[in-house]
């Protein structure tokens, strides 16, 4: 493979990643500030973004450094928060299988935003698919690392009240949900998610509803994936008509 192919792929991929750049700089910065508020050196925030790279998982991990949080609790909560990536990966098995040695990194760097780009962006003419996918994934990862570094350094140099800054990740997911809803189609999973969250919020309270609602969502999606797919297909045909 020629090195020039990567240069062409990065040039083609960059415009598509600009929305992720703006989002990751803000929520990455918020994570960096939160991490630094726990008293850790800013380099630890950068390292975590390099080797963990799980936005919502990293936000959750900040709370794991508090006394009384058990190791099994950390494993279970992290798994449940990121279990959606299993379904992401299954839908990209064929494409990643053609990526050769880059496959491992593509699997590691698969986030919500990167998944969205990989599924909706057509590979430009004259650009190799594996290099284009790698360029998107790498750029998004770089943006997150940069945002984390900015936030951690800013939090160490400029003292300010970080209360409420963790809502940045929640706000991002609200925006993603709203955009997908307005785009039409595939609304059944969204309805299942909202209904499960509201139901278990009422039944279990604000401190204990996340895990049971996520389990319920996962079971509903897995057990009803065929019927959901058929309904989505009919909805898309209706929109096209």
Protein backbone atom coordinates (compact mmCIF):
# COMPACT_ATOMS: atom_id res chain seq x y z
CA UNK A 1 0.00 0.00 0.00
CA UNK A 2 1.30 3.41 -0.90
CA UNK A 3 1.61 6.08 1.73
CA UNK A 4 -0.03 8.55 -0.62
CA UNK A 5 -3.23 6.54 -0.31
CA UNK A 6 -3.49 7.47 3.36
CA UNK A 7 -2.94 11.16 2.61
CA UNK A 8 -5.75 11.09 0.08
CA UNK A 9 -8.00 9.19 2.51
CA UNK A 10 -7.42 11.68 5.33
CA UNK A 11 -8.11 14.62 3.03
CA UNK A 12 -11.35 13.00 1.90
CA UNK A 13 -12.41 12.01 5.43
CA UNK A 14 -11.72 15.28 7.24
CA UNK A 15 -14.76 17.29 5.99
CA UNK A 16 -17.10 14.52 7.15
CA UNK A 17 -15.58 14.54 10.63
CA UNK A 18 -15.93 18.28 11.27
CA UNK A 19 -19.24 17.88 13.19
CA UNK A 20 -17.56 15.26 15.39
CA UNK A 21 -14.61 17.62 15.86
CA UNK A 22 -16.83 20.37 17.26
CA UNK A 23 -18.74 17.96 19.49
CA UNK A 24 -15.74 16.05 20.80
CA UNK A 25 -13.80 19.19 21.64
CA UNK A 26 -16.62 20.29 23.94
CA UNK A 27 -17.49 16.99 25.61
CA UNK A 28 -13.84 15.90 25.67
CA UNK A 29 -12.98 19.16 27.40
CA UNK A 30 -15.77 18.55 29.91
CA UNK A 31 -14.37 15.10 30.67
CA UNK A 32 -10.86 16.52 31.11
CA UNK A 33 -12.12 19.10 33.59
CA UNK A 34 -14.08 16.49 35.55
CA UNK A 35 -11.08 14.17 35.68
CA UNK A 36 -8.74 16.91 36.84
CA UNK A 37 -11.24 17.92 39.54
CA UNK A 38 -10.57 14.53 41.15
CA UNK A 39 -6.98 15.64 41.69
CA UNK A 40 -5.27 13.61 38.97
CA UNK A 41 -2.50 14.91 36.71
CA UNK A 42 -3.75 16.01 33.28
CA UNK A 43 -1.63 13.34 31.57
CA UNK A 44 -3.83 10.64 33.11
CA UNK A 45 -6.86 12.10 31.34
CA UNK A 46 -4.98 12.05 28.04
CA UNK A 47 -3.78 8.48 28.63
CA UNK A 48 -7.30 7.31 29.47
CA UNK A 49 -8.64 8.85 26.27
CA UNK A 50 -5.88 7.11 24.30
CA UNK A 51 -6.34 3.60 25.66
CA UNK A 52 -9.98 3.54 26.84
CA UNK A 53 -11.72 5.94 24.44
CA UNK A 54 -15.32 5.44 25.53
CA UNK A 55 -17.07 8.77 25.99
CA UNK A 56 -19.96 7.78 28.24
CA UNK A 57 -17.81 5.06 29.83
CA UNK A 58 -15.13 7.60 30.71
CA UNK A 59 -17.68 9.98 32.20
CA UNK A 60 -18.98 7.10 34.27
CA UNK A 61 -15.44 6.09 35.24
CA UNK A 62 -14.84 9.42 36.94
CA UNK A 63 -17.31 8.35 39.61
CA UNK A 64 -15.57 5.00 40.03
CA UNK A 65 -12.64 6.68 41.75
CA UNK A 66 -14.82 7.38 44.76
CA UNK A 67 -14.40 5.17 47.86
CA UNK A 68 -16.83 2.28 48.20
CA UNK A 69 -17.17 1.41 44.51
CA UNK A 70 -16.48 -2.30 44.06
CA UNK A 71 -14.50 -3.84 41.22
CA UNK A 72 -17.45 -5.96 40.06
CA UNK A 73 -19.66 -2.87 40.07
CA UNK A 74 -17.16 -1.14 37.78
CA UNK A 75 -17.11 -4.07 35.35
CA UNK A 76 -20.89 -4.48 35.25
CA UNK A 77 -21.71 -0.78 34.90
CA UNK A 78 -19.09 -0.30 32.18
CA UNK A 79 -20.39 -3.29 30.27
CA UNK A 80 -24.01 -2.17 30.45
CA UNK A 81 -23.21 1.40 29.41
CA UNK A 82 -21.22 0.21 26.38
CA UNK A 83 -23.15 -2.95 25.45
CA UNK A 84 -24.59 -1.16 22.43
CA UNK A 85 -21.18 -1.44 20.77
CA UNK A 86 -21.77 -5.18 20.37
CA UNK A 87 -24.60 -4.41 17.96
CA UNK A 88 -22.52 -1.75 16.22
CA UNK A 89 -19.74 -4.25 15.63
CA UNK A 90 -22.04 -6.97 14.31
CA UNK A 91 -23.35 -4.67 11.59
CA UNK A 92 -19.81 -3.82 10.44
CA UNK A 93 -18.25 -7.30 10.48
CA UNK A 94 -18.08 -7.55 6.71
CA UNK A 95 -16.57 -4.10 6.14
CA UNK A 96 -14.04 -4.46 8.94
CA UNK A 97 -13.15 -7.92 7.69
CA UNK A 98 -11.77 -6.32 4.52
CA UNK A 99 -9.60 -3.85 6.47
CA UNK A 100 -6.70 -6.23 7.11
CA UNK A 101 -4.34 -5.16 9.90
CA UNK A 102 -6.41 -2.02 10.51
CA UNK A 103 -9.36 -4.11 11.66
CA UNK A 104 -8.25 -4.22 15.32
CA UNK A 105 -8.01 -0.44 15.56
CA UNK A 106 -11.34 0.06 13.77
CA UNK A 107 -13.01 -2.20 16.34
CA UNK A 108 -11.33 -0.41 19.24
CA UNK A 109 -12.19 3.09 17.99
CA UNK A 110 -15.88 2.45 17.25
CA UNK A 111 -17.91 5.12 19.04
CA UNK A 112 -21.48 6.31 18.49
CA UNK A 113 -20.40 9.20 16.29
CA UNK A 114 -17.83 7.18 14.35
CA UNK A 115 -20.38 4.43 13.78
CA UNK A 116 -22.82 6.98 12.43
CA UNK A 117 -20.23 8.30 9.96
CA UNK A 118 -19.13 4.84 8.85
CA UNK A 119 -22.73 3.83 8.14
CA UNK A 120 -23.90 6.99 6.38
CA UNK A 121 -20.82 8.19 4.48
CA UNK A 122 -20.08 6.88 1.01
CA UNK A 123 -16.46 6.18 0.20
CA UNK A 124 -15.31 8.85 -2.31
CA UNK A 125 -14.26 7.70 -5.74
CA UNK A 126 -10.56 6.95 -6.00
CA UNK A 127 -10.12 6.35 -2.23
CA UNK A 128 -9.56 2.88 -0.79
CA UNK A 129 -12.34 1.88 1.58
CA UNK A 130 -10.14 0.49 4.37
CA UNK A 131 -7.99 3.62 4.46
CA UNK A 132 -11.04 5.89 4.38
CA UNK A 133 -12.65 4.07 7.32
CA UNK A 134 -9.35 4.20 9.21
CA UNK A 135 -9.01 7.94 8.55
CA UNK A 136 -12.48 8.67 9.96
CA UNK A 137 -11.87 6.54 13.05
CA UNK A 138 -8.41 7.97 13.69
CA UNK A 139 -9.48 11.61 13.28
CA UNK A 140 -12.42 11.16 15.66
CA UNK A 141 -10.11 9.54 18.20
CA UNK A 142 -7.64 12.40 17.84
CA UNK A 143 -10.39 14.97 18.45
CA UNK A 144 -11.41 13.23 21.68
CA UNK A 145 -7.83 13.08 22.94
CA UNK A 146 -7.33 16.75 22.10
CA UNK A 147 -10.52 17.75 23.92
CA UNK A 148 -9.53 15.73 27.00
CA UNK A 149 -6.10 17.36 27.07
CA UNK A 150 -7.56 20.87 26.74
CA UNK A 151 -10.05 20.26 29.54
CA UNK A 152 -7.53 18.70 31.91
CA UNK A 153 -4.98 21.47 31.37
CA UNK A 154 -7.63 24.19 31.63
CA UNK A 155 -8.97 22.68 34.85
CA UNK A 156 -5.50 22.68 36.37
CA UNK A 157 -4.59 26.21 35.29
CA UNK A 158 -7.93 28.02 35.52
CA UNK A 159 -9.86 27.16 38.70
CA UNK A 160 -13.63 27.23 38.26
CA UNK A 161 -16.74 25.45 39.48
CA UNK A 162 -17.23 22.29 37.40
CA UNK A 163 -20.64 21.47 38.86
CA UNK A 164 -23.05 20.36 36.14
CA UNK A 165 -20.39 20.01 33.45
CA UNK A 166 -21.02 16.26 33.29
CA UNK A 167 -24.36 17.09 31.60
CA UNK A 168 -22.39 17.66 28.38
CA UNK A 169 -22.53 13.94 27.53
CA UNK A 170 -26.25 13.80 28.29
CA UNK A 171 -26.81 16.80 26.04
CA UNK A 172 -24.88 15.12 23.22
CA UNK A 173 -27.05 12.00 23.40
CA UNK A 174 -30.19 14.15 23.41
CA UNK A 175 -29.00 15.86 20.23
CA UNK A 176 -28.20 12.51 18.57
CA UNK A 177 -31.61 11.13 19.59
CA UNK A 178 -33.43 14.21 18.28
CA UNK A 179 -31.60 14.15 14.94
CA UNK A 180 -32.35 10.47 14.40
CA UNK A 181 -35.99 10.97 15.33
CA UNK A 182 -36.42 13.91 12.95
CA UNK A 183 -34.70 11.97 10.17
CA UNK A 184 -37.59 9.51 10.21
CA UNK A 185 -37.51 5.72 10.10
CA UNK A 186 -36.15 3.36 12.75
CA UNK A 187 -38.21 4.99 15.49
CA UNK A 188 -39.29 1.78 17.22
CA UNK A 189 -35.93 1.38 19.07
CA UNK A 190 -36.20 5.00 20.19
CA UNK A 191 -39.72 4.43 21.54
CA UNK A 192 -38.55 1.28 23.35
CA UNK A 193 -35.70 3.23 24.91
CA UNK A 194 -37.84 6.11 26.12
CA UNK A 195 -40.62 3.85 27.39
CA UNK A 196 -38.16 1.63 29.30
CA UNK A 197 -36.36 4.59 30.86
CA UNK A 198 -39.59 6.28 31.98
CA UNK A 199 -41.09 3.03 33.31
CA UNK A 200 -38.08 2.04 35.41
CA UNK A 201 -37.56 5.63 36.53
CA UNK A 202 -41.00 5.44 38.10
CA UNK A 203 -40.57 1.92 39.47
CA UNK A 204 -36.97 2.09 40.71
CA UNK A 205 -36.33 5.76 41.35
CA UNK A 206 -33.77 8.15 39.93
CA UNK A 207 -30.72 6.41 41.43
CA UNK A 208 -31.49 2.85 40.35
CA UNK A 209 -33.32 2.95 37.02
CA UNK A 210 -30.38 2.93 34.57
CA UNK A 211 -29.37 -0.74 34.76
CA UNK A 212 -32.84 -2.32 34.64
CA UNK A 213 -33.93 -0.01 31.83
CA UNK A 214 -30.83 -0.85 29.78
CA UNK A 215 -31.36 -4.57 30.33
CA UNK A 216 -34.98 -4.19 29.24
CA UNK A 217 -33.97 -2.24 26.13
CA UNK A 218 -31.36 -4.84 25.17
CA UNK A 219 -33.79 -7.75 25.63
CA UNK A 220 -36.50 -6.02 23.62
CA UNK A 221 -34.17 -5.19 20.74
CA UNK A 222 -32.61 -8.65 20.62
CA UNK A 223 -35.90 -10.57 20.88
CA UNK A 224 -37.75 -8.31 18.44
CA UNK A 225 -34.99 -7.49 15.96
CA UNK A 226 -36.72 -9.24 13.04
CA UNK A 227 -40.11 -7.60 13.48
CA UNK A 228 -38.45 -4.24 14.14
CA UNK A 229 -36.46 -4.58 10.93
CA UNK A 230 -39.61 -5.35 8.93
CA UNK A 231 -41.49 -2.40 10.43
CA UNK A 232 -38.55 -0.09 9.73
CA UNK A 233 -38.52 -1.25 6.15
CA UNK A 234 -42.22 -0.44 5.77
CA UNK A 235 -41.71 2.99 7.36
CA UNK A 236 -38.86 3.80 4.97
CA UNK A 237 -41.00 2.74 2.00
CA UNK A 238 -43.78 5.02 3.24
CA UNK A 239 -41.38 7.98 3.57
CA UNK A 240 -39.99 7.30 0.09
CA UNK A 241 -43.50 7.28 -1.38
